[in-house]
Amino acid sequence: MKIDPISVTELNRYVKEKVAEDAYLNNVLVKGEISNFKHHYTGHMYFTLKDEKSLIKCVMFKTATATLNFLPKDGMRVIVLGSVSVFERDGIYQIYCKAIQEDGMGNLYTEYEKLKKKLEIEGLFDEKHKKKIPFMPNIIGVLTSNTGAVIRDIINVSTRRNPNVYIRLLPVPVQGEGASTKIANAIRIMNEKQLADVIILARGGGSLEDLWPFNEEIVARAIYDSALPVISAVGHETDFTIADFVADLRAPTPSAAAELAVADVQDLKQTIYLYERRLKMSLKRKTELMRLRYEKCLKASIYQSPLQRINEYYLHIDNNIKTMENNTMKKIEEAKTQMIKQIAKLDALSPLKTLTRGYSLTEMQGKIITRAEQLEKDMKITIRFQDGKISAKVL
C-alpha cells in the first residue's frame, strides 16, 4: 500500500487536532517550578515549568493574567491550570495557562532569598560601601565568556564611545559547576595585578539556574572586597542577582554597562565646546561692561576738573580750622570768667582780708595760734599785720 507524503505543516496540524480532541489535555492541572520567566511588554507571560526530570513551555496571555494576585518569578513553585496544545509553526507543544496558583518556592529561589537576607544584614549592600566609577578610565576589565554576543557588545559600545579606551578581557565561565570560584578568582587577579581601572562583570540573560554562579556567596564577597569598582551586568533588565546588589553599580545589560563605564568622547567634546562658547560670551560681556564703566568714570566731574575736589577740601579744612579757633576762644573766655568768680570767692574767705580791718594773726612755726593756752613763757612767735610781720617773745 502506497502512502503519500504530507508536509510538515500538515503533520503539525494533524497532531494539534489530535491533542485538541483529548478532553483531559484541554483542562489539565500541572505543578512545577517556574524558570526562564519573561513578562512581555504586550502583557503576555512566557515561562518554562519544570521538575527534577522534565520541562514544558508555558504561555499565559494578557487576558488571563488579570486574574493573578501575585507576580510569577523564577524559582517559584506553582500549580498551573490550562490546556495543552501544539504550536503549529514550531511543532512544539505547550501549556496555554488559564490560571496560576502559588505552591511554595523552589529550592534555588529559597537559597537565593536566604543568602540575600544574610548579606544584607552584614551590610554588603549598603550604599556607603559603593565605590565611585572613574570618569575617564583608561582600561576596562571585562569578566565574561570569551565567545558570544556579550563581549562583542561591550567592545562595540566602548570603542564607539571612546576609540582610545583599552578593553582587557579575562575569560571566565558564566554558568555551570565551578563557575563561581573562577569568577571570584578572576576578580582577585584583576585587583592584585591592577589590570584595570574598573571591572565589568557580565553575561547574557538566562534562567535562575543559568545565572546561579552570580548568586554564590564567594562571588558576592569577592566583589565586596574588590578595591577596583565593579559594574554588574548580569542577565536582562528584569533579572537581579546577588552580584547586582553587592556591585558598586548595576547595569541592566552588558551594553548599558559599557555606556556607564566609558564616557562618550563626542559628548565631552560638545560639552567642552559649549563651555568654551559660554566663557567667550561671558568674557565679551565682562569686557563690554568694564569699557562702559571706564567711559562713565572719564565723564565724571572729578576727572574733568581734578583740582575742584581738592579746592573743596581746602575750603572744608579752613572752615573746620575757623570753627575750632572760635570754639577754643569761647572756652578760654568761659574759663577766665569762671576763674575770676572763684578768685573773688577765695579773696572774700582769705584771712588776710581780716588784717585790713585792724586785726592781726599770731603764728608759731607756721601754725596760726587761736588760743592763749597754746602759748608758754619765752616762746618765740610771729605777729602778722596788714603791712608786714614782727617777731615777738611771750613774757
Protein backbone atom coordinates (compact mmCIF):
# COMPACT_ATOMS: atom_id res chain seq x y z
CA MET A 1 0.00 0.00 0.00
CA LYS A 2 1.46 3.27 -1.14
CA ILE A 3 1.44 6.17 1.41
CA ASP A 4 1.61 9.67 0.01
CA PRO A 5 3.95 12.04 1.91
CA ILE A 6 2.49 15.04 3.72
CA SER A 7 4.04 18.39 4.52
CA VAL A 8 5.42 19.41 7.91
CA THR A 9 2.57 21.85 8.30
CA GLU A 10 0.02 19.12 7.67
CA LEU A 11 1.70 16.87 10.22
CA ASN A 12 1.79 19.56 12.87
CA ARG A 13 -1.84 20.43 12.18
CA TYR A 14 -2.81 16.75 12.48
CA VAL A 15 -1.04 16.40 15.84
CA LYS A 16 -2.60 19.65 17.04
CA GLU A 17 -6.08 18.39 16.16
CA LYS A 18 -5.47 15.06 17.90
CA VAL A 19 -4.29 16.83 21.06
CA ALA A 20 -7.31 19.15 20.92
CA GLU A 21 -9.64 16.15 20.84
CA ASP A 22 -8.28 14.92 24.20
CA ALA A 23 -10.63 16.24 26.88
CA TYR A 24 -8.08 15.64 29.66
CA LEU A 25 -5.45 17.81 27.93
CA ASN A 26 -7.97 20.61 27.44
CA ASN A 27 -8.27 21.18 31.17
CA VAL A 28 -5.17 19.92 32.98
CA LEU A 29 -3.56 20.81 36.34
CA VAL A 30 0.25 20.71 36.34
CA LYS A 31 2.62 21.62 39.17
CA GLY A 32 6.27 22.53 38.85
CA GLU A 33 8.91 25.24 39.22
CA ILE A 34 8.97 28.37 37.07
CA SER A 35 12.11 29.04 35.05
CA ASN A 36 13.05 31.49 32.27
CA PHE A 37 10.10 33.73 33.18
CA LYS A 38 9.53 36.67 30.80
CA HIS A 39 6.81 39.27 31.19
CA HIS A 40 6.48 40.68 27.68
CA TYR A 41 5.70 44.36 27.15
CA THR A 42 2.43 43.25 25.48
CA GLY A 43 1.28 41.83 28.81
CA HIS A 44 1.73 38.17 27.87
CA MET A 45 3.81 35.90 30.14
CA TYR A 46 6.20 33.22 28.84
CA PHE A 47 7.96 30.70 31.07
CA THR A 48 9.09 27.11 31.46
CA LEU A 49 7.52 24.76 34.01
CA LYS A 50 9.93 22.07 35.22
CA ASP A 51 10.52 19.37 37.76
CA GLU A 52 13.59 17.23 38.52
CA LYS A 53 13.50 15.38 35.20
CA SER A 54 11.44 17.27 32.60
CA LEU A 55 10.22 20.66 31.48
CA ILE A 56 7.43 22.11 29.34
CA LYS A 57 6.94 25.56 27.84
CA CYS A 58 4.02 27.66 29.02
CA VAL A 59 2.32 30.85 27.88
CA MET A 60 -0.29 32.96 29.64
CA PHE A 61 -1.96 35.63 27.53
CA LYS A 62 -2.74 39.10 28.83
CA THR A 63 -6.48 38.38 29.08
CA ALA A 64 -5.76 35.61 31.58
CA THR A 65 -3.11 37.45 33.63
CA ALA A 66 -5.76 39.81 35.02
CA THR A 67 -6.82 37.03 37.42
CA LEU A 68 -3.35 36.80 39.04
CA ASN A 69 -2.92 38.18 42.57
CA PHE A 70 0.88 37.80 42.51
CA LEU A 71 3.74 38.23 40.04
CA PRO A 72 5.32 34.94 38.98
CA LYS A 73 9.12 34.75 39.09
CA ASP A 74 11.92 32.28 38.51
CA GLY A 75 12.23 29.61 41.19
CA MET A 76 8.61 29.85 42.29
CA ARG A 77 6.65 26.60 42.66
CA VAL A 78 3.19 26.90 41.14
CA ILE A 79 0.14 24.90 40.09
CA VAL A 80 -0.98 25.73 36.54
CA LEU A 81 -4.48 25.25 35.13
CA GLY A 82 -4.57 25.24 31.34
CA SER A 83 -4.88 23.39 28.10
CA VAL A 84 -2.15 21.57 26.21
CA SER A 85 -1.89 22.47 22.53
CA VAL A 86 0.61 22.30 19.69
CA PHE A 87 2.20 25.49 18.39
CA GLU A 88 1.84 24.58 14.73
CA ARG A 89 4.59 26.77 13.33
CA ASP A 90 7.38 25.37 15.53
CA GLY A 91 5.94 21.90 16.05
CA ILE A 92 6.19 22.11 19.82
CA TYR A 93 3.53 21.55 22.41
CA GLN A 94 2.99 23.85 25.37
CA ILE A 95 0.53 24.72 28.09
CA TYR A 96 -1.77 27.67 27.48
CA CYS A 97 -2.38 28.80 31.07
CA LYS A 98 -5.78 29.94 32.30
CA ALA A 99 -4.81 30.34 35.97
CA ILE A 100 -1.74 30.02 38.20
CA GLN A 101 -1.62 29.36 41.93
CA GLU A 102 1.42 29.57 44.20
CA ASP A 103 2.69 26.24 45.51
CA GLY A 104 5.68 27.41 47.55
CA MET A 105 9.17 28.44 46.46
CA GLY A 106 11.71 26.37 44.57
CA ASN A 107 14.92 25.28 46.27
CA LEU A 108 17.14 27.67 44.32
CA TYR A 109 14.90 30.63 44.98
CA THR A 110 14.79 29.78 48.68
CA GLU A 111 18.61 29.68 48.78
CA TYR A 112 18.72 32.97 46.87
CA GLU A 113 16.46 34.75 49.37
CA LYS A 114 18.32 33.24 52.34
CA LEU A 115 21.74 34.41 51.12
CA LYS A 116 20.37 37.80 50.10
CA LYS A 117 18.97 38.39 53.58
CA LYS A 118 22.21 37.24 55.24
CA LEU A 119 24.44 39.54 53.17
CA GLU A 120 22.05 42.43 53.56
CA ILE A 121 22.20 42.12 57.35
CA GLU A 122 26.03 42.08 57.16
CA GLY A 123 25.93 45.36 55.23
CA LEU A 124 27.34 44.17 51.90
CA PHE A 125 24.58 46.03 50.04
CA ASP A 126 25.00 49.36 51.90
CA GLU A 127 25.46 52.44 49.74
CA LYS A 128 28.29 53.69 51.96
CA HIS A 129 30.47 50.85 50.66
CA LYS A 130 29.86 51.68 46.99
CA LYS A 131 32.93 52.97 45.17
CA LYS A 132 32.71 55.74 42.59
CA ILE A 133 33.12 54.71 38.96
CA PRO A 134 36.09 56.62 37.42
CA PHE A 135 35.06 59.30 34.95
CA MET A 136 37.61 58.52 32.23
CA PRO A 137 39.07 55.05 32.78
CA ASN A 138 41.94 54.02 30.52
CA ILE A 139 41.45 50.27 30.90
CA ILE A 140 38.14 48.43 31.22
CA GLY A 141 38.48 44.96 32.73
CA VAL A 142 35.78 42.57 31.49
CA LEU A 143 34.97 39.26 33.17
CA THR A 144 32.77 37.17 30.89
CA SER A 145 32.92 34.37 28.35
CA ASN A 146 35.39 34.99 25.51
CA THR A 147 32.76 33.92 22.99
CA GLY A 148 29.24 35.18 22.40
CA ALA A 149 27.48 38.49 21.96
CA VAL A 150 28.30 39.92 25.41
CA ILE A 151 31.97 40.71 24.84
CA ARG A 152 31.26 41.90 21.29
CA ASP A 153 28.59 44.28 22.55
CA ILE A 154 30.90 45.67 25.24
CA ILE A 155 33.75 46.17 22.76
CA ASN A 156 31.49 47.79 20.16
CA VAL A 157 29.84 50.19 22.60
CA SER A 158 33.07 51.08 24.42
CA THR A 159 35.18 51.77 21.32
CA ARG A 160 32.36 53.71 19.70
CA ARG A 161 32.15 56.00 22.71
CA ASN A 162 35.92 56.28 23.16
CA PRO A 163 38.25 54.81 20.49
CA ASN A 164 41.23 55.16 22.88
CA VAL A 165 39.83 53.01 25.67
CA TYR A 166 41.52 49.64 26.21
CA ILE A 167 39.39 46.54 26.84
CA ARG A 168 41.13 43.82 28.87
CA LEU A 169 39.18 40.55 28.79
CA LEU A 170 39.79 37.94 31.46
CA PRO A 171 37.68 34.98 30.23
CA VAL A 172 35.60 33.16 32.85
CA PRO A 173 32.81 30.58 32.61
CA VAL A 174 29.49 32.31 33.28
CA GLN A 175 27.46 29.22 34.16
CA GLY A 176 27.91 25.67 35.27
CA GLU A 177 29.75 23.96 38.08
CA GLY A 178 32.84 25.76 39.36
CA ALA A 179 31.99 28.99 37.53
CA SER A 180 31.52 30.98 40.76
CA THR A 181 35.00 30.05 42.06
CA LYS A 182 36.65 31.07 38.78
CA ILE A 183 34.73 34.35 38.68
CA ALA A 184 35.82 35.17 42.26
CA ASN A 185 39.46 34.30 41.44
CA ALA A 186 39.36 36.49 38.34
CA ILE A 187 38.16 39.46 40.41
CA ARG A 188 41.05 38.94 42.85
CA ILE A 189 43.58 38.69 39.99
CA MET A 190 42.28 41.92 38.48
CA ASN A 191 42.88 43.63 41.84
CA GLU A 192 46.21 42.06 42.73
CA LYS A 193 47.79 42.86 39.37
CA GLN A 194 45.93 46.14 38.88
CA LEU A 195 44.83 45.09 35.41
CA ALA A 196 42.07 47.68 35.03
CA ASP A 197 40.57 50.91 36.31
CA VAL A 198 37.09 49.44 36.54
CA ILE A 199 35.67 45.90 36.21
CA ILE A 200 32.58 44.88 34.24
CA LEU A 201 31.13 41.53 35.34
CA ALA A 202 28.79 40.46 32.54
CA ARG A 203 26.76 37.70 30.91
CA GLY A 204 23.56 37.46 28.88
CA GLY A 205 20.15 36.58 30.25
CA GLY A 206 19.06 33.13 31.34
CA SER A 207 17.10 31.14 33.84
CA LEU A 208 17.71 31.21 37.57
CA GLU A 209 19.90 28.13 37.14
CA ASP A 210 21.93 29.75 34.37
CA LEU A 211 22.55 32.86 36.47
CA TRP A 212 23.23 30.91 39.68
CA PRO A 213 27.06 31.42 39.78
CA PHE A 214 26.35 35.13 40.29
CA ASN A 215 24.19 34.27 43.30
CA GLU A 216 27.00 32.43 45.09
CA GLU A 217 28.43 33.88 48.31
CA ILE A 218 32.04 33.52 47.08
CA VAL A 219 31.34 35.88 44.17
CA ALA A 220 29.48 38.35 46.38
CA ARG A 221 32.38 38.59 48.84
CA ALA A 222 34.96 38.90 46.05
CA ILE A 223 33.03 41.87 44.65
CA TYR A 224 32.72 43.42 48.12
CA ASP A 225 36.48 43.01 48.79
CA SER A 226 37.46 44.42 45.39
CA ALA A 227 39.42 47.68 45.57
CA LEU A 228 38.53 48.28 41.93
CA PRO A 229 34.97 49.47 41.22
CA VAL A 230 32.74 46.70 39.86
CA ILE A 231 29.82 47.15 37.47
CA SER A 232 27.44 44.19 37.41
CA ALA A 233 25.70 43.47 34.09
CA VAL A 234 24.27 40.03 34.60
CA GLY A 235 21.15 38.87 32.76
CA HIS A 236 18.48 41.12 31.32
CA GLU A 237 16.92 44.23 32.78
CA THR A 238 14.42 42.31 34.92
CA ASP A 239 16.98 39.80 36.23
CA PHE A 240 18.52 40.61 39.64
CA THR A 241 21.33 38.58 41.14
CA ILE A 242 23.23 38.84 44.44
CA ALA A 243 26.15 40.24 42.42
CA ASP A 244 23.92 43.16 41.32
CA PHE A 245 23.22 44.15 44.93
CA VAL A 246 26.87 43.97 46.06
CA ALA A 247 28.39 45.66 43.00
CA ASP A 248 29.23 49.37 43.05
CA LEU A 249 26.88 49.90 40.10
CA ARG A 250 24.26 47.73 38.43
CA ALA A 251 23.64 47.91 34.68
CA PRO A 252 20.52 46.38 33.09
CA THR A 253 22.54 44.91 30.18
CA PRO A 254 26.21 44.46 29.20
CA SER A 255 25.84 47.21 26.57
CA ALA A 256 24.48 49.56 29.24
CA ALA A 257 27.46 48.66 31.47
CA ALA A 258 29.84 49.76 28.72
CA GLU A 259 27.94 53.05 28.42
CA LEU A 260 28.17 53.61 32.18
CA ALA A 261 31.89 52.79 32.31
CA VAL A 262 33.07 54.66 29.20
CA ALA A 263 32.40 58.36 28.72
CA ASP A 264 31.29 59.39 25.24
CA VAL A 265 34.16 61.43 23.79
CA GLN A 266 31.87 63.20 21.34
CA ASP A 267 29.59 64.28 24.17
CA LEU A 268 32.61 65.53 26.10
CA LYS A 269 33.86 67.47 23.09
CA GLN A 270 30.42 69.01 22.64
CA THR A 271 30.28 69.91 26.33
CA ILE A 272 33.74 71.50 26.18
CA TYR A 273 32.72 73.42 23.05
CA LEU A 274 29.60 74.74 24.80
CA TYR A 275 31.66 75.75 27.86
CA GLU A 276 34.14 77.48 25.58
CA ARG A 277 31.35 79.44 23.88
CA ARG A 278 29.82 80.40 27.21
CA LEU A 279 33.23 81.50 28.51
CA LYS A 280 33.89 83.63 25.44
CA MET A 281 30.45 85.24 25.65
CA SER A 282 30.90 85.87 29.35
CA LEU A 283 34.34 87.41 28.77
CA LYS A 284 32.95 89.58 25.98
CA ARG A 285 30.12 90.84 28.21
CA LYS A 286 32.56 91.47 31.06
CA THR A 287 34.88 93.43 28.77
CA GLU A 288 31.99 95.49 27.43
CA LEU A 289 30.78 96.23 30.97
CA MET A 290 34.25 97.33 32.06
CA ARG A 291 34.54 99.55 28.98
CA LEU A 292 31.24 101.26 29.80
CA ARG A 293 32.30 101.77 33.40
CA TYR A 294 35.60 103.23 32.21
CA GLU A 295 33.84 105.69 29.92
CA LYS A 296 31.45 106.65 32.70
CA CYS A 297 34.36 107.28 35.05
CA LEU A 298 36.08 109.51 32.49
CA LYS A 299 32.93 111.61 32.22
CA ALA A 300 32.75 112.15 35.97
CA SER A 301 33.46 115.69 37.23
CA ILE A 302 36.45 114.52 39.28
CA TYR A 303 38.25 113.55 36.13
CA GLN A 304 37.06 116.60 34.21
CA SER A 305 38.27 119.07 36.91
CA PRO A 306 40.52 117.21 39.34
CA LEU A 307 41.56 120.43 41.28
CA GLN A 308 37.95 121.29 42.04
CA ARG A 309 37.65 118.48 44.54
CA ILE A 310 40.98 119.46 46.14
CA ASN A 311 39.85 123.11 46.45
CA GLU A 312 36.60 121.94 48.03
CA TYR A 313 38.62 120.01 50.58
CA TYR A 314 40.73 123.14 51.26
CA LEU A 315 37.56 125.16 51.96
CA HIS A 316 36.29 122.43 54.20
CA ILE A 317 39.57 122.39 56.14
CA ASP A 318 39.55 126.22 56.52
CA ASN A 319 36.01 126.16 57.82
CA ASN A 320 36.94 123.47 60.33
CA ILE A 321 40.00 125.44 61.50
CA LYS A 322 37.91 128.60 61.97
CA THR A 323 35.28 126.68 63.86
CA MET A 324 37.98 125.16 66.09
CA GLU A 325 39.52 128.61 66.77
CA ASN A 326 36.14 130.11 67.67
CA ASN A 327 35.33 127.21 69.95
CA THR A 328 38.76 127.45 71.60
CA MET A 329 38.45 131.25 72.28
CA LYS A 330 34.95 130.71 73.64
CA LYS A 331 36.25 128.05 76.01
CA ILE A 332 39.10 130.33 77.14
CA GLU A 333 36.72 133.24 77.88
CA GLU A 334 34.40 130.98 79.78
CA ALA A 335 37.36 129.67 81.80
CA LYS A 336 38.56 133.22 82.60
CA THR A 337 35.12 134.27 83.79
CA GLN A 338 34.88 131.22 85.98
CA MET A 339 38.38 131.83 87.36
CA ILE A 340 37.56 135.46 88.32
CA LYS A 341 34.47 134.27 90.16
CA GLN A 342 36.50 131.69 92.09
CA ILE A 343 39.22 134.24 92.92
CA ALA A 344 36.59 136.63 94.30
CA LYS A 345 35.19 133.85 96.48
CA LEU A 346 38.70 132.96 97.75
CA ASP A 347 39.52 136.58 98.44
CA ALA A 348 36.36 137.00 100.48
CA LEU A 349 37.30 133.99 102.58
CA SER A 350 41.03 134.88 102.91
CA PRO A 351 42.29 135.59 106.49
CA LEU A 352 44.49 138.32 105.04
CA LYS A 353 41.32 140.23 104.28
CA THR A 354 40.71 140.41 108.04
CA LEU A 355 44.05 142.15 108.57
CA THR A 356 42.88 145.19 106.58
CA ARG A 357 40.26 145.81 109.23
CA GLY A 358 42.90 146.27 112.03
CA TYR A 359 43.27 142.70 113.17
CA SER A 360 46.49 140.67 113.36
CA LEU A 361 47.44 136.96 113.25
CA THR A 362 49.72 135.17 115.72
CA GLU A 363 51.80 132.32 114.28
CA MET A 364 54.31 129.92 115.69
CA GLN A 365 56.40 127.80 113.37
CA GLY A 366 53.96 128.49 110.51
CA LYS A 367 50.86 127.47 112.51
CA ILE A 368 48.17 130.01 113.49
CA ILE A 369 47.62 130.36 117.25
CA THR A 370 43.92 130.56 118.09
CA ARG A 371 44.02 130.01 121.91
CA ALA A 372 46.18 131.52 124.68
CA GLU A 373 46.73 128.15 126.31
CA GLN A 374 48.72 127.15 123.22
CA LEU A 375 51.49 129.53 124.32
CA GLU A 376 54.03 129.31 127.13
CA LYS A 377 56.57 131.73 128.59
CA ASP A 378 59.63 132.51 126.46
CA MET A 379 58.10 131.02 123.27
CA LYS A 380 59.04 132.83 120.10
CA ILE A 381 56.08 133.85 117.96
CA THR A 382 55.38 135.88 114.81
CA ILE A 383 52.68 138.54 114.63
CA ARG A 384 51.33 139.34 111.12
CA PHE A 385 49.81 142.76 110.37
CA GLN A 386 48.34 144.23 107.19
CA ASP A 387 51.64 145.72 106.09
CA GLY A 388 54.08 143.09 107.40
CA LYS A 389 55.07 140.95 110.35
CA ILE A 390 57.27 141.14 113.51
CA SER A 391 58.91 138.59 115.78
CA ALA A 392 57.98 138.56 119.48
CA LYS A 393 58.55 136.66 122.72
CA VAL A 394 55.98 135.56 125.26
CA LEU A 395 56.62 137.20 128.71
